[in-house]
């Protein structure tokens, strides 16, 4: 949610966009896959293997998301390249210096 209100945005880098969607999908699937298993385990008093598989897959996905966040693979999205190009062309040359200023 913080990325939506900042100048950096949410969809400028592929890794951020991928992380966002993976978190949403993992959270949704974990909730919907665990609810029936927890209800059945509470009613029967037995533990099913699905109560182990869903959290294991979610943990693996979270580790992958952490690796993406640390390694920062891939590059900018099409929108990010366009915004970077427009920001670099908008920089002006200072009257006292021949170099571009920030």
Protein backbone atom coordinates (compact mmCIF):
# COMPACT_ATOMS: atom_id res chain seq x y z
CA UNK A 1 0.00 0.00 0.00
CA UNK A 2 2.91 2.36 0.69
CA UNK A 3 4.22 1.96 -2.85
CA UNK A 4 0.99 3.31 -4.31
CA UNK A 5 1.47 6.74 -2.73
CA UNK A 6 5.17 7.22 -3.42
CA UNK A 7 6.93 8.51 -6.54
CA UNK A 8 8.60 5.11 -6.97
CA UNK A 9 5.24 3.42 -7.47
CA UNK A 10 4.28 -0.23 -7.39
CA UNK A 11 4.70 -1.30 -10.99
CA UNK A 12 8.07 0.16 -11.94
CA UNK A 13 10.16 -2.93 -11.19
CA UNK A 14 9.27 -6.47 -12.22
CA UNK A 15 10.45 -7.91 -8.90
CA UNK A 16 8.09 -5.64 -6.94
CA UNK A 17 5.17 -6.50 -9.21
CA UNK A 18 5.97 -10.24 -8.96
CA UNK A 19 6.33 -10.05 -5.19
CA UNK A 20 3.01 -8.22 -4.85
CA UNK A 21 1.08 -10.83 -6.83
CA UNK A 22 2.84 -13.79 -5.19
CA UNK A 23 1.98 -12.48 -1.73
CA UNK A 24 -1.68 -12.01 -2.68
CA UNK A 25 -1.95 -15.45 -4.29
CA UNK A 26 -0.12 -17.22 -1.45
CA UNK A 27 -2.22 -15.55 1.22
CA UNK A 28 -5.48 -16.34 -0.56
CA UNK A 29 -4.60 -19.95 -1.30
CA UNK A 30 -3.31 -20.55 2.22
CA UNK A 31 -6.50 -19.25 3.79
CA UNK A 32 -8.83 -21.15 1.47
CA UNK A 33 -6.87 -24.40 1.61
CA UNK A 34 -6.45 -24.41 5.39
CA UNK A 35 -10.03 -23.54 6.42
CA UNK A 36 -11.64 -26.86 5.41
CA UNK A 37 -8.76 -28.87 6.88
CA UNK A 38 -8.89 -27.05 10.19
CA UNK A 39 -12.66 -27.52 10.41
CA UNK A 40 -12.37 -31.24 9.63
CA UNK A 41 -9.52 -31.68 12.11
CA UNK A 42 -11.56 -29.97 14.82
CA UNK A 43 -14.61 -32.12 14.10
CA UNK A 44 -12.80 -35.48 13.78
CA UNK A 45 -9.93 -34.90 16.15
CA UNK A 46 -7.43 -36.15 13.55
CA UNK A 47 -4.72 -34.25 11.73
CA UNK A 48 -4.64 -34.41 7.92
CA UNK A 49 -1.54 -34.08 5.73
CA UNK A 50 -3.05 -30.99 4.04
CA UNK A 51 -2.51 -29.08 7.28
CA UNK A 52 1.23 -29.55 6.70
CA UNK A 53 1.41 -29.12 2.92
CA UNK A 54 -0.27 -25.71 2.67
CA UNK A 55 1.97 -23.97 5.25
CA UNK A 56 5.05 -25.63 3.72
CA UNK A 57 4.22 -24.30 0.26
CA UNK A 58 3.47 -20.87 1.73
CA UNK A 59 6.80 -20.88 3.58
CA UNK A 60 8.65 -21.86 0.40
CA UNK A 61 6.93 -19.06 -1.48
CA UNK A 62 7.83 -16.55 1.23
CA UNK A 63 11.47 -17.65 1.05
CA UNK A 64 11.39 -17.17 -2.74
CA UNK A 65 9.87 -13.71 -2.29
CA UNK A 66 12.60 -12.87 0.24
CA UNK A 67 15.27 -14.01 -2.24
CA UNK A 68 13.71 -11.80 -4.94
CA UNK A 69 13.72 -8.84 -2.57
CA UNK A 70 17.37 -9.32 -1.65
CA UNK A 71 18.82 -10.25 -5.07
CA UNK A 72 16.69 -7.76 -7.06
CA UNK A 73 16.67 -9.67 -10.36
CA UNK A 74 15.09 -8.57 -13.63
CA UNK A 75 14.70 -4.95 -14.55
CA UNK A 76 12.22 -2.19 -14.99
CA UNK A 77 8.80 -2.71 -16.45
CA UNK A 78 7.76 -0.87 -19.61
CA UNK A 79 6.11 1.79 -17.43
CA UNK A 80 9.23 2.09 -15.27
CA UNK A 81 11.49 2.57 -18.31
CA UNK A 82 9.14 5.23 -19.67
CA UNK A 83 9.06 7.09 -16.33
CA UNK A 84 12.84 6.88 -15.95
CA UNK A 85 13.35 8.20 -19.49
CA UNK A 86 10.91 11.10 -18.95
CA UNK A 87 12.54 11.96 -15.60
CA UNK A 88 16.04 11.98 -17.10
CA UNK A 89 15.00 14.14 -20.05
CA UNK A 90 13.26 16.61 -17.73
CA UNK A 91 16.51 17.48 -15.93
CA UNK A 92 17.77 20.87 -16.93
CA UNK A 93 21.26 22.25 -17.35
CA UNK A 94 22.28 24.73 -14.65
CA UNK A 95 23.43 28.13 -15.92
CA UNK A 96 26.70 27.92 -13.96
CA UNK A 97 27.54 24.32 -14.81
CA UNK A 98 27.66 22.48 -18.15
CA UNK A 99 26.52 19.28 -16.42
CA UNK A 100 22.92 18.33 -15.77
CA UNK A 101 21.58 18.90 -12.28
CA UNK A 102 19.25 16.67 -10.29
